[in-house]
Amino acid sequence: MRDYDVIKGPVDTEKSNLQKETLNKVTLEVADSANRVQIRKAVENIFDVQVASVRTVRVKGKVKRRGRVLGRRKDWKKAVVTLMPGHRIKFFEGV
C-alpha cells in the first residue's frame, strides 16, 4: 500500500484543533486496512516529521433519517498521531 493510499485527509473538529495546538497531536482519516506501522511510515515520509506514537479508532457510522427512509453513514477509521517535540506539520497550520 502506497503512502498516499494510507492517509485520506485531516479530521477538522474542535477537539482535533485543540490537540494539535496544545499536545502536538494530528488527527487523520486513514484507510480501513492500514495498521499503525503503515500509518507511522506514511506520515513520516509525506510530511518529513518524526512520529512518537499512533493511536487508531474505528468510527461507526451514524444512522440518519430522511423522512420515512432510514440511511446509514459509512464506517471509517481515524488515527491520532503524536509528533515528537519540535516537529510540526505545516500543511495543517492554516486549516
PDB file of N, CA and C in Angstrom:
ATOM      1  N   MET A   1       0.851  -1.180   0.000  1.00  0.00           N
ATOM      2  CA  MET A   1       0.000   0.000   0.000  1.00  0.00           C
ATOM      3  C   MET A   1       0.896   1.242   0.000  1.00  0.00           C
ATOM      4  N   ARG A   2       0.637   2.169  -0.925  1.00  0.00           N
ATOM      5  CA  ARG A   2       1.434   3.384  -1.014  1.00  0.00           C
ATOM      6  C   ARG A   2       1.060   4.356   0.106  1.00  0.00           C
ATOM      7  N   ASP A   3       1.972   5.303   0.380  1.00  0.00           N
ATOM      8  CA  ASP A   3       1.767   6.256   1.472  1.00  0.00           C
ATOM      9  C   ASP A   3       0.518   7.100   1.275  1.00  0.00           C
ATOM     10  N   TYR A   4       0.261   7.515   0.045  1.00  0.00           N
ATOM     11  CA  TYR A   4      -0.890   8.373  -0.208  1.00  0.00           C
ATOM     12  C   TYR A   4      -2.202   7.594  -0.219  1.00  0.00           C
ATOM     13  N   ASP A   5      -2.129   6.261  -0.279  1.00  0.00           N
ATOM     14  CA  ASP A   5      -3.332   5.443  -0.145  1.00  0.00           C
ATOM     15  C   ASP A   5      -3.699   5.245   1.319  1.00  0.00           C
ATOM     16  N   VAL A   6      -2.719   5.344   2.203  1.00  0.00           N
ATOM     17  CA  VAL A   6      -2.944   5.130   3.635  1.00  0.00           C
ATOM     18  C   VAL A   6      -3.671   6.326   4.241  1.00  0.00           C
ATOM     19  N   ILE A   7      -3.203   7.537   3.940  1.00  0.00           N
ATOM     20  CA  ILE A   7      -3.776   8.749   4.535  1.00  0.00           C
ATOM     21  C   ILE A   7      -4.793   9.358   3.583  1.00  0.00           C
ATOM     22  N   LYS A   8      -6.028   9.499   4.066  1.00  0.00           N
ATOM     23  CA  LYS A   8      -7.090  10.080   3.238  1.00  0.00           C
ATOM     24  C   LYS A   8      -7.215  11.585   3.424  1.00  0.00           C
ATOM     25  N   GLY A   9      -7.013  12.076   4.649  1.00  0.00           N
ATOM     26  CA  GLY A   9      -7.115  13.511   4.866  1.00  0.00           C
ATOM     27  C   GLY A   9      -7.204  13.843   6.337  1.00  0.00           C
ATOM     28  N   PRO A  10      -7.207  15.133   6.672  1.00  0.00           N
ATOM     29  CA  PRO A  10      -7.286  15.550   8.069  1.00  0.00           C
ATOM     30  C   PRO A  10      -8.717  15.499   8.598  1.00  0.00           C
ATOM     31  N   VAL A  11      -8.835  15.361   9.903  1.00  0.00           N
ATOM     32  CA  VAL A  11     -10.120  15.462  10.585  1.00  0.00           C
ATOM     33  C   VAL A  11     -10.133  16.821  11.262  1.00  0.00           C
ATOM     34  N   ASP A  12     -11.054  17.690  10.867  1.00  0.00           N
ATOM     35  CA  ASP A  12     -11.084  19.060  11.351  1.00  0.00           C
ATOM     36  C   ASP A  12     -12.259  19.247  12.295  1.00  0.00           C
ATOM     37  N   THR A  13     -11.995  19.068  13.599  1.00  0.00           N
ATOM     38  CA  THR A  13     -13.002  19.291  14.629  1.00  0.00           C
ATOM     39  C   THR A  13     -12.398  20.186  15.709  1.00  0.00           C
ATOM     40  N   GLU A  14     -13.224  20.626  16.629  1.00  0.00           N
ATOM     41  CA  GLU A  14     -12.723  21.460  17.726  1.00  0.00           C
ATOM     42  C   GLU A  14     -11.717  20.694  18.569  1.00  0.00           C
ATOM     43  N   LYS A  15     -12.022  19.450  18.861  1.00  0.00           N
ATOM     44  CA  LYS A  15     -11.128  18.635  19.681  1.00  0.00           C
ATOM     45  C   LYS A  15      -9.794  18.394  18.979  1.00  0.00           C
ATOM     46  N   SER A  16      -9.828  18.092  17.684  1.00  0.00           N
ATOM     47  CA  SER A  16      -8.577  17.840  16.971  1.00  0.00           C
ATOM     48  C   SER A  16      -7.737  19.114  16.860  1.00  0.00           C
ATOM     49  N   ASN A  17      -8.379  20.261  16.684  1.00  0.00           N
ATOM     50  CA  ASN A  17      -7.637  21.525  16.637  1.00  0.00           C
ATOM     51  C   ASN A  17      -6.996  21.844  17.977  1.00  0.00           C
ATOM     52  N   LEU A  18      -7.697  21.578  19.075  1.00  0.00           N
ATOM     53  CA  LEU A  18      -7.148  21.805  20.410  1.00  0.00           C
ATOM     54  C   LEU A  18      -5.960  20.885  20.676  1.00  0.00           C
ATOM     55  N   GLN A  19      -6.081  19.604  20.282  1.00  0.00           N
ATOM     56  CA  GLN A  19      -4.979  18.663  20.457  1.00  0.00           C
ATOM     57  C   GLN A  19      -3.776  19.061  19.607  1.00  0.00           C
ATOM     58  N   LYS A  20      -4.032  19.571  18.423  1.00  0.00           N
ATOM     59  CA  LYS A  20      -2.947  19.980  17.532  1.00  0.00           C
ATOM     60  C   LYS A  20      -2.155  21.133  18.148  1.00  0.00           C
ATOM     61  N   GLU A  21      -2.859  22.084  18.748  1.00  0.00           N
ATOM     62  CA  GLU A  21      -2.201  23.268  19.292  1.00  0.00           C
ATOM     63  C   GLU A  21      -1.516  23.003  20.626  1.00  0.00           C
ATOM     64  N   THR A  22      -2.137  22.215  21.502  1.00  0.00           N
ATOM     65  CA  THR A  22      -1.596  22.054  22.854  1.00  0.00           C
ATOM     66  C   THR A  22      -0.745  20.799  23.033  1.00  0.00           C
ATOM     67  N   LEU A  23      -1.144  19.684  22.435  1.00  0.00           N
ATOM     68  CA  LEU A  23      -0.479  18.403  22.686  1.00  0.00           C
ATOM     69  C   LEU A  23       0.384  17.919  21.527  1.00  0.00           C
ATOM     70  N   ASN A  24       0.442  18.683  20.426  1.00  0.00           N
ATOM     71  CA  ASN A  24       1.213  18.314  19.231  1.00  0.00           C
ATOM     72  C   ASN A  24       0.736  16.987  18.642  1.00  0.00           C
ATOM     73  N   LYS A  25      -0.602  16.808  18.588  1.00  0.00           N
ATOM     74  CA  LYS A  25      -1.216  15.614  18.007  1.00  0.00           C
ATOM     75  C   LYS A  25      -2.011  16.009  16.772  1.00  0.00           C
ATOM     76  N   VAL A  26      -1.920  15.192  15.728  1.00  0.00           N
ATOM     77  CA  VAL A  26      -2.640  15.438  14.484  1.00  0.00           C
ATOM     78  C   VAL A  26      -3.618  14.288  14.276  1.00  0.00           C
ATOM     79  N   THR A  27      -4.866  14.601  13.936  1.00  0.00           N
ATOM     80  CA  THR A  27      -5.885  13.578  13.704  1.00  0.00           C
ATOM     81  C   THR A  27      -6.115  13.453  12.199  1.00  0.00           C
ATOM     82  N   LEU A  28      -6.035  12.207  11.697  1.00  0.00           N
ATOM     83  CA  LEU A  28      -6.148  11.944  10.269  1.00  0.00           C
ATOM     84  C   LEU A  28      -7.178  10.853  10.006  1.00  0.00           C
ATOM     85  N   GLU A  29      -7.847  10.956   8.870  1.00  0.00           N
ATOM     86  CA  GLU A  29      -8.674   9.852   8.400  1.00  0.00           C
ATOM     87  C   GLU A  29      -7.769   8.949   7.575  1.00  0.00           C
ATOM     88  N   VAL A  30      -7.796   7.651   7.872  1.00  0.00           N
ATOM     89  CA  VAL A  30      -6.884   6.710   7.215  1.00  0.00           C
ATOM     90  C   VAL A  30      -7.677   5.576   6.585  1.00  0.00           C
ATOM     91  N   ALA A  31      -6.988   4.776   5.778  1.00  0.00           N
ATOM     92  CA  ALA A  31      -7.617   3.628   5.131  1.00  0.00           C
ATOM     93  C   ALA A  31      -8.007   2.589   6.176  1.00  0.00           C
ATOM     94  N   ASP A  32      -9.104   1.883   5.928  1.00  0.00           N
ATOM     95  CA  ASP A  32      -9.597   0.890   6.890  1.00  0.00           C
ATOM     96  C   ASP A  32      -8.607  -0.246   7.116  1.00  0.00           C
ATOM     97  N   SER A  33      -7.837  -0.595   6.108  1.00  0.00           N
ATOM     98  CA  SER A  33      -6.923  -1.731   6.224  1.00  0.00           C
ATOM     99  C   SER A  33      -5.548  -1.337   6.738  1.00  0.00           C
ATOM    100  N   ALA A  34      -5.285  -0.044   6.989  1.00  0.00           N
ATOM    101  CA  ALA A  34      -3.976   0.413   7.427  1.00  0.00           C
ATOM    102  C   ALA A  34      -3.755   0.105   8.901  1.00  0.00           C
ATOM    103  N   ASN A  35      -2.533  -0.324   9.226  1.00  0.00           N
ATOM    104  CA  ASN A  35      -2.192  -0.555  10.630  1.00  0.00           C
ATOM    105  C   ASN A  35      -1.290   0.572  11.122  1.00  0.00           C
ATOM    106  N   ARG A  36      -0.894   0.517  12.396  1.00  0.00           N
ATOM    107  CA  ARG A  36      -0.140   1.610  12.999  1.00  0.00           C
ATOM    108  C   ARG A  36       1.223   1.816  12.348  1.00  0.00           C
ATOM    109  N   VAL A  37       1.885   0.734  11.989  1.00  0.00           N
ATOM    110  CA  VAL A  37       3.211   0.832  11.376  1.00  0.00           C
ATOM    111  C   VAL A  37       3.113   1.517  10.014  1.00  0.00           C
ATOM    112  N   GLN A  38       2.111   1.152   9.218  1.00  0.00           N
ATOM    113  CA  GLN A  38       1.921   1.774   7.908  1.00  0.00           C
ATOM    114  C   GLN A  38       1.576   3.257   8.049  1.00  0.00           C
ATOM    115  N   ILE A  39       0.752   3.598   9.034  1.00  0.00           N
ATOM    116  CA  ILE A  39       0.366   4.989   9.261  1.00  0.00           C
ATOM    117  C   ILE A  39       1.587   5.805   9.677  1.00  0.00           C
ATOM    118  N   ARG A  40       2.404   5.263  10.570  1.00  0.00           N
ATOM    119  CA  ARG A  40       3.614   5.948  11.026  1.00  0.00           C
ATOM    120  C   ARG A  40       4.560   6.225   9.857  1.00  0.00           C
ATOM    121  N   LYS A  41       4.819   5.212   9.039  1.00  0.00           N
ATOM    122  CA  LYS A  41       5.728   5.378   7.902  1.00  0.00           C
ATOM    123  C   LYS A  41       5.180   6.381   6.892  1.00  0.00           C
ATOM    124  N   ALA A  42       3.871   6.348   6.650  1.00  0.00           N
ATOM    125  CA  ALA A  42       3.261   7.267   5.687  1.00  0.00           C
ATOM    126  C   ALA A  42       3.377   8.712   6.164  1.00  0.00           C
ATOM    127  N   VAL A  43       3.093   8.971   7.433  1.00  0.00           N
ATOM    128  CA  VAL A  43       3.175  10.330   7.968  1.00  0.00           C
ATOM    129  C   VAL A  43       4.622  10.822   7.934  1.00  0.00           C
ATOM    130  N   GLU A  44       5.563   9.964   8.324  1.00  0.00           N
ATOM    131  CA  GLU A  44       6.968  10.374   8.318  1.00  0.00           C
ATOM    132  C   GLU A  44       7.477  10.655   6.909  1.00  0.00           C
ATOM    133  N   ASN A  45       7.062   9.847   5.929  1.00  0.00           N
ATOM    134  CA  ASN A  45       7.525  10.046   4.553  1.00  0.00           C
ATOM    135  C   ASN A  45       6.875  11.252   3.879  1.00  0.00           C
ATOM    136  N   ILE A  46       5.572  11.424   4.062  1.00  0.00           N
ATOM    137  CA  ILE A  46       4.859  12.502   3.374  1.00  0.00           C
ATOM    138  C   ILE A  46       5.189  13.869   3.976  1.00  0.00           C
ATOM    139  N   PHE A  47       5.160  13.983   5.301  1.00  0.00           N
ATOM    140  CA  PHE A  47       5.298  15.288   5.951  1.00  0.00           C
ATOM    141  C   PHE A  47       6.698  15.567   6.483  1.00  0.00           C
ATOM    142  N   ASP A  48       7.622  14.596   6.400  1.00  0.00           N
ATOM    143  CA  ASP A  48       9.006  14.759   6.833  1.00  0.00           C
ATOM    144  C   ASP A  48       9.094  15.180   8.305  1.00  0.00           C
ATOM    145  N   VAL A  49       8.424  14.419   9.164  1.00  0.00           N
ATOM    146  CA  VAL A  49       8.443  14.632  10.612  1.00  0.00           C
ATOM    147  C   VAL A  49       8.744  13.301  11.300  1.00  0.00           C
ATOM    148  N   GLN A  50       9.011  13.355  12.605  1.00  0.00           N
ATOM    149  CA  GLN A  50       9.190  12.142  13.384  1.00  0.00           C
ATOM    150  C   GLN A  50       7.952  11.917  14.242  1.00  0.00           C
ATOM    151  N   VAL A  51       7.489  10.670  14.282  1.00  0.00           N
ATOM    152  CA  VAL A  51       6.263  10.315  14.989  1.00  0.00           C
ATOM    153  C   VAL A  51       6.616   9.622  16.296  1.00  0.00           C
ATOM    154  N   ALA A  52       5.985  10.056  17.389  1.00  0.00           N
ATOM    155  CA  ALA A  52       6.210   9.440  18.687  1.00  0.00           C
ATOM    156  C   ALA A  52       5.292   8.238  18.878  1.00  0.00           C
ATOM    157  N   SER A  53       3.997   8.392  18.560  1.00  0.00           N
ATOM    158  CA  SER A  53       3.058   7.283  18.720  1.00  0.00           C
ATOM    159  C   SER A  53       1.870   7.462  17.790  1.00  0.00           C
ATOM    160  N   VAL A  54       1.160   6.347  17.573  1.00  0.00           N
ATOM    161  CA  VAL A  54      -0.028   6.345  16.721  1.00  0.00           C
ATOM    162  C   VAL A  54      -1.127   5.590  17.455  1.00  0.00           C
ATOM    163  N   ARG A  55      -2.287   6.204  17.570  1.00  0.00           N
ATOM    164  CA  ARG A  55      -3.477   5.566  18.133  1.00  0.00           C
ATOM    165  C   ARG A  55      -4.532   5.501  17.044  1.00  0.00           C
ATOM    166  N   THR A  56      -5.222   4.363  16.926  1.00  0.00           N
ATOM    167  CA  THR A  56      -6.242   4.218  15.898  1.00  0.00           C
ATOM    168  C   THR A  56      -7.598   3.946  16.526  1.00  0.00           C
ATOM    169  N   VAL A  57      -8.655   4.400  15.824  1.00  0.00           N
ATOM    170  CA  VAL A  57     -10.030   4.233  16.286  1.00  0.00           C
ATOM    171  C   VAL A  57     -10.895   3.917  15.078  1.00  0.00           C
ATOM    172  N   ARG A  58     -11.767   2.926  15.199  1.00  0.00           N
ATOM    173  CA  ARG A  58     -12.768   2.666  14.159  1.00  0.00           C
ATOM    174  C   ARG A  58     -14.032   3.412  14.565  1.00  0.00           C
ATOM    175  N   VAL A  59     -14.464   4.330  13.705  1.00  0.00           N
ATOM    176  CA  VAL A  59     -15.636   5.159  13.981  1.00  0.00           C
ATOM    177  C   VAL A  59     -16.828   4.537  13.266  1.00  0.00           C
ATOM    178  N   LYS A  60     -17.870   4.234  14.022  1.00  0.00           N
ATOM    179  CA  LYS A  60     -19.085   3.656  13.447  1.00  0.00           C
ATOM    180  C   LYS A  60     -19.942   4.756  12.835  1.00  0.00           C
ATOM    181  N   GLY A  61     -20.500   4.488  11.677  1.00  0.00           N
ATOM    182  CA  GLY A  61     -21.350   5.454  11.004  1.00  0.00           C
ATOM    183  C   GLY A  61     -22.688   5.608  11.709  1.00  0.00           C
ATOM    184  N   LYS A  62     -23.192   6.826  11.707  1.00  0.00           N
ATOM    185  CA  LYS A  62     -24.458   7.100  12.378  1.00  0.00           C
ATOM    186  C   LYS A  62     -25.633   6.693  11.497  1.00  0.00           C
ATOM    187  N   VAL A  63     -26.744   6.342  12.137  1.00  0.00           N
ATOM    188  CA  VAL A  63     -27.991   6.084  11.422  1.00  0.00           C
ATOM    189  C   VAL A  63     -28.704   7.418  11.268  1.00  0.00           C
ATOM    190  N   LYS A  64     -29.038   7.772  10.040  1.00  0.00           N
ATOM    191  CA  LYS A  64     -29.696   9.036   9.752  1.00  0.00           C
ATOM    192  C   LYS A  64     -31.034   8.775   9.083  1.00  0.00           C
ATOM    193  N   ARG A  65     -31.973   9.677   9.292  1.00  0.00           N
ATOM    194  CA  ARG A  65     -33.308   9.521   8.746  1.00  0.00           C
ATOM    195  C   ARG A  65     -33.614  10.687   7.820  1.00  0.00           C
ATOM    196  N   ARG A  66     -34.201  10.363   6.686  1.00  0.00           N
ATOM    197  CA  ARG A  66     -34.652  11.384   5.742  1.00  0.00           C
ATOM    198  C   ARG A  66     -36.107  11.058   5.419  1.00  0.00           C
ATOM    199  N   GLY A  67     -37.001  11.684   6.159  1.00  0.00           N
ATOM    200  CA  GLY A  67     -38.413  11.347   6.019  1.00  0.00           C
ATOM    201  C   GLY A  67     -38.675   9.980   6.628  1.00  0.00           C
ATOM    202  N   ARG A  68     -39.249   9.069   5.821  1.00  0.00           N
ATOM    203  CA  ARG A  68     -39.502   7.714   6.303  1.00  0.00           C
ATOM    204  C   ARG A  68     -38.332   6.781   6.041  1.00  0.00           C
ATOM    205  N   VAL A  69     -37.381   7.237   5.243  1.00  0.00           N
ATOM    206  CA  VAL A  69     -36.287   6.367   4.817  1.00  0.00           C
ATOM    207  C   VAL A  69     -35.137   6.451   5.807  1.00  0.00           C
ATOM    208  N   LEU A  70     -34.697   5.303   6.283  1.00  0.00           N
ATOM    209  CA  LEU A  70     -33.536   5.240   7.160  1.00  0.00           C
ATOM    210  C   LEU A  70     -32.296   4.982   6.324  1.00  0.00           C
ATOM    211  N   GLY A  71     -31.253   5.730   6.608  1.00  0.00           N
ATOM    212  CA  GLY A  71     -29.981   5.533   5.929  1.00  0.00           C
ATOM    213  C   GLY A  71     -28.875   5.426   6.955  1.00  0.00           C
ATOM    214  N   ARG A  72     -27.689   5.128   6.488  1.00  0.00           N
ATOM    215  CA  ARG A  72     -26.580   4.964   7.403  1.00  0.00           C
ATOM    216  C   ARG A  72     -25.332   5.539   6.770  1.00  0.00           C
ATOM    217  N   ARG A  73     -24.582   6.324   7.551  1.00  0.00           N
ATOM    218  CA  ARG A  73     -23.296   6.810   7.080  1.00  0.00           C
ATOM    219  C   ARG A  73     -22.288   5.668   7.154  1.00  0.00           C
ATOM    220  N   LYS A  74     -21.240   5.745   6.356  1.00  0.00           N
ATOM    221  CA  LYS A  74     -20.293   4.636   6.322  1.00  0.00           C
ATOM    222  C   LYS A  74     -19.341   4.681   7.516  1.00  0.00           C
ATOM    223  N   ASP A  75     -18.833   3.511   7.898  1.00  0.00           N
ATOM    224  CA  ASP A  75     -17.836   3.407   8.950  1.00  0.00           C
ATOM    225  C   ASP A  75     -16.493   3.897   8.394  1.00  0.00           C
ATOM    226  N   TRP A  76     -15.640   4.438   9.268  1.00  0.00           N
ATOM    227  CA  TRP A  76     -14.339   4.907   8.838  1.00  0.00           C
ATOM    228  C   TRP A  76     -13.340   4.758   9.972  1.00  0.00           C
ATOM    229  N   LYS A  77     -12.086   4.944   9.651  1.00  0.00           N
ATOM    230  CA  LYS A  77     -11.025   4.757  10.628  1.00  0.00           C
ATOM    231  C   LYS A  77     -10.231   6.048  10.755  1.00  0.00           C
ATOM    232  N   LYS A  78      -9.926   6.427  11.996  1.00  0.00           N
ATOM    233  CA  LYS A  78      -9.109   7.613  12.199  1.00  0.00           C
ATOM    234  C   LYS A  78      -7.895   7.264  13.032  1.00  0.00           C
ATOM    235  N   ALA A  79      -6.859   8.067  12.879  1.00  0.00           N
ATOM    236  CA  ALA A  79      -5.616   7.871  13.613  1.00  0.00           C
ATOM    237  C   ALA A  79      -5.234   9.181  14.280  1.00  0.00           C
ATOM    238  N   VAL A  80      -4.863   9.114  15.563  1.00  0.00           N
ATOM    239  CA  VAL A  80      -4.343  10.265  16.279  1.00  0.00           C
ATOM    240  C   VAL A  80      -2.836  10.062  16.375  1.00  0.00           C
ATOM    241  N   VAL A  81      -2.092  10.903  15.672  1.00  0.00           N
ATOM    242  CA  VAL A  81      -0.645  10.764  15.555  1.00  0.00           C
ATOM    243  C   VAL A  81       0.018  11.805  16.453  1.00  0.00           C
ATOM    244  N   THR A  82       0.829  11.340  17.413  1.00  0.00           N
ATOM    245  CA  THR A  82       1.584  12.233  18.285  1.00  0.00           C
ATOM    246  C   THR A  82       2.952  12.451  17.667  1.00  0.00           C
ATOM    247  N   LEU A  83       3.299  13.714  17.458  1.00  0.00           N
ATOM    248  CA  LEU A  83       4.588  14.059  16.860  1.00  0.00           C
ATOM    249  C   LEU A  83       5.630  14.287  17.950  1.00  0.00           C
ATOM    250  N   MET A  84       6.895  14.078  17.584  1.00  0.00           N
ATOM    251  CA  MET A  84       7.998  14.317  18.516  1.00  0.00           C
ATOM    252  C   MET A  84       8.086  15.814  18.821  1.00  0.00           C
ATOM    253  N   PRO A  85       8.590  16.184  20.000  1.00  0.00           N
ATOM    254  CA  PRO A  85       8.716  17.603  20.330  1.00  0.00           C
ATOM    255  C   PRO A  85       9.573  18.342  19.297  1.00  0.00           C
ATOM    256  N   GLY A  86       9.107  19.511  18.898  1.00  0.00           N
ATOM    257  CA  GLY A  86       9.823  20.309  17.916  1.00  0.00           C
ATOM    258  C   GLY A  86       9.398  20.061  16.477  1.00  0.00           C
ATOM    259  N   HIS A  87       8.600  19.039  16.233  1.00  0.00           N
ATOM    260  CA  HIS A  87       8.127  18.740  14.880  1.00  0.00           C
ATOM    261  C   HIS A  87       6.700  19.239  14.721  1.00  0.00           C
ATOM    262  N   ARG A  88       6.438  19.893  13.592  1.00  0.00           N
ATOM    263  CA  ARG A  88       5.104  20.385  13.266  1.00  0.00           C
ATOM    264  C   ARG A  88       4.813  20.038  11.825  1.00  0.00           C
ATOM    265  N   ILE A  89       3.529  19.881  11.492  1.00  0.00           N
ATOM    266  CA  ILE A  89       3.126  19.679  10.119  1.00  0.00           C
ATOM    267  C   ILE A  89       2.589  21.010   9.614  1.00  0.00           C
ATOM    268  N   LYS A  90       3.315  21.631   8.705  1.00  0.00           N
ATOM    269  CA  LYS A  90       2.953  22.961   8.198  1.00  0.00           C
ATOM    270  C   LYS A  90       1.663  22.940   7.380  1.00  0.00           C
ATOM    271  N   PHE A  91       1.354  21.774   6.799  1.00  0.00           N
ATOM    272  CA  PHE A  91       0.170  21.652   5.961  1.00  0.00           C
ATOM    273  C   PHE A  91      -1.107  21.969   6.733  1.00  0.00           C
ATOM    274  N   PHE A  92      -1.158  21.633   8.021  1.00  0.00           N
ATOM    275  CA  PHE A  92      -2.365  21.811   8.812  1.00  0.00           C
ATOM    276  C   PHE A  92      -2.399  23.130   9.581  1.00  0.00           C
ATOM    277  N   GLU A  93      -1.393  23.983   9.430  1.00  0.00           N
ATOM    278  CA  GLU A  93      -1.346  25.215  10.186  1.00  0.00           C
ATOM    279  C   GLU A  93      -2.450  26.180   9.774  1.00  0.00           C
ATOM    280  N   GLY A  94      -2.790  26.256   8.492  1.00  0.00           N
ATOM    281  CA  GLY A  94      -3.807  27.187   8.034  1.00  0.00           C
ATOM    282  C   GLY A  94      -5.206  26.608   8.038  1.00  0.00           C
ATOM    283  N   VAL A  95      -5.356  25.313   8.362  1.00  0.00           N
ATOM    284  CA  VAL A  95      -6.652  24.631   8.292  1.00  0.00           C
ATOM    285  C   VAL A  95      -7.478  24.992   9.485  1.00  0.00           C
TER     286      VAL A  95
END
